[in-house]
Protein backbone atom coordinates (compact mmCIF):
# COMPACT_ATOMS: atom_id res chain seq x y z
CA GLN A 1 31.01 54.40 6.03
CA GLN A 2 27.95 54.09 3.80
CA ALA A 3 29.51 51.15 1.94
CA GLU A 4 30.08 49.45 5.27
CA ALA A 5 26.43 49.92 6.22
CA LEU A 6 25.33 48.34 2.93
CA GLU A 7 27.73 45.39 3.18
CA PRO A 8 25.18 42.76 4.32
CA VAL A 9 23.07 43.35 1.20
CA ALA A 10 25.77 44.58 -1.21
CA PRO A 11 25.70 41.46 -3.44
CA ALA A 12 21.98 41.93 -4.00
CA ILE A 13 22.37 45.66 -4.71
CA ARG A 14 25.09 44.97 -7.27
CA TYR A 15 22.92 42.30 -8.90
CA ILE A 16 19.85 44.55 -8.99
CA ASP A 17 21.80 47.45 -10.47
CA THR A 18 23.20 45.29 -13.28
CA HIS A 19 20.06 43.23 -14.02
CA LEU A 20 17.21 45.75 -13.96
CA ALA A 21 15.55 44.19 -17.01
CA ALA A 22 15.39 40.78 -15.31
CA ARG A 23 12.66 39.42 -13.08
CA LEU A 24 14.04 40.19 -9.63
CA ILE A 25 12.61 38.17 -6.76
CA VAL A 26 13.45 38.32 -3.08
CA PRO A 27 14.38 34.65 -2.53
CA GLU A 28 17.01 34.81 -5.28
CA LEU A 29 18.37 38.14 -4.04
CA ALA A 30 18.45 36.77 -0.50
CA ALA A 31 20.44 33.75 -1.63
CA LEU A 32 23.10 36.08 -3.06
CA CYS A 33 23.55 37.44 0.47
CA CYS A 34 23.36 34.02 2.13
CA LEU A 35 20.21 35.06 4.01
CA GLY A 36 16.69 33.73 4.21
CA PRO A 37 14.08 35.78 2.33
CA ASP A 38 12.43 37.30 5.40
CA HIS A 39 15.70 38.12 7.14
CA PHE A 40 17.05 39.56 3.88
CA ALA A 41 13.98 41.79 3.43
CA ARG A 42 14.40 43.16 6.97
CA ARG A 43 18.16 43.68 6.61
CA PHE A 44 17.71 45.34 3.21
CA LYS A 45 15.27 47.86 4.65
CA GLU A 46 17.57 48.50 7.63
CA CYS A 47 20.62 49.00 5.41
CA VAL A 48 19.10 50.83 2.44
CA GLY A 49 16.20 52.63 4.09
CA GLN A 50 13.55 51.28 1.74
CA THR A 51 12.02 47.96 0.80
CA VAL A 52 13.53 45.77 -1.90
CA GLY A 53 10.59 46.50 -4.19
CA ALA A 54 10.84 50.26 -3.67
CA TYR A 55 14.58 50.18 -4.38
CA ILE A 56 14.08 48.20 -7.59
CA ARG A 57 11.33 50.55 -8.78
CA GLU A 58 13.44 53.61 -8.02
CA ARG A 59 16.47 52.22 -9.89
CA ARG A 60 14.32 51.23 -12.87
CA ILE A 61 12.71 54.66 -13.02
CA MET A 62 16.09 56.39 -12.80
CA GLN A 63 17.43 54.22 -15.60
CA ALA A 64 14.34 54.95 -17.70
CA ALA A 65 14.79 58.68 -17.05
CA GLN A 66 18.39 58.47 -18.26
CA ARG A 67 17.32 56.62 -21.39
CA LEU A 68 14.51 59.11 -22.06
CA ARG A 69 16.89 62.02 -21.71
CA PHE A 70 19.88 60.68 -23.62
CA THR A 71 18.49 58.32 -26.27
CA MET A 72 15.73 58.30 -28.82
CA ASP A 73 14.75 54.72 -27.94
CA SER A 74 11.02 54.03 -28.03
CA LEU A 75 9.02 53.85 -24.82
CA GLU A 76 8.39 50.17 -25.59
CA MET A 77 12.14 49.47 -25.78
CA ILE A 78 12.90 51.47 -22.64
CA ALA A 79 10.09 49.73 -20.75
CA ALA A 80 11.37 46.28 -21.74
CA GLU A 81 15.03 47.03 -21.07
CA CYS A 82 14.35 48.70 -17.71
CA GLY A 83 12.21 45.83 -16.44
CA PHE A 84 8.74 47.34 -16.72
CA GLY A 85 7.36 44.85 -19.21
CA ASN A 86 5.29 47.32 -21.21
CA ARG A 87 5.02 51.03 -21.88
CA ASN A 88 1.74 51.43 -19.95
CA TYR A 89 3.30 50.15 -16.74
CA LEU A 90 6.37 52.34 -17.29
CA THR A 91 4.16 55.37 -17.90
CA ARG A 92 2.08 54.77 -14.79
CA LEU A 93 5.01 54.26 -12.40
CA PHE A 94 7.17 56.95 -13.98
CA THR A 95 4.36 59.51 -13.73
CA GLN A 96 3.65 58.58 -10.09
CA GLU A 97 7.31 58.88 -9.12
CA MET A 98 8.45 61.80 -11.27
CA GLY A 99 5.21 63.79 -11.47
CA ILE A 100 5.45 63.93 -15.27
CA ALA A 101 4.72 61.43 -18.03
CA PRO A 102 7.73 59.86 -19.78
CA ALA A 103 6.96 61.51 -23.13
CA ALA A 104 6.63 64.92 -21.49
CA TYR A 105 9.84 64.31 -19.52
CA ARG A 106 11.67 63.54 -22.75
CA LYS A 107 10.29 66.68 -24.42
CA SER A 108 11.24 68.84 -21.43
CA GLY A 109 14.95 68.15 -21.93
CA GLU A 110 17.23 68.38 -24.87
CA TYR A 111 18.21 65.20 -26.66
CA THR A 112 21.92 64.61 -26.44
CA SER A 113 23.58 61.70 -28.15
């Protein structure tokens, strides 16, 4: 039932989830769903429950959290590969969302390879 509710924006969700490091812009995501940008933005919020930008940020932060927990990659590498651009931006958004800085988050868990 949830998959059915997401169907109008599913191509964009799949693209976002597999291209988090890329520059993701609404007109291109809308085109994947054969919708205009404004209509796409409204439908995305209706279907997903959050804006396109909020969804992208959340997915990037979750991916960064996974990388922090399960790799020893540098913050610079994680920031670049998760679409944040630089470690300062990653640190700011991660701390706002998770309530803990990325370095502290990494230290709070055990490294597992």
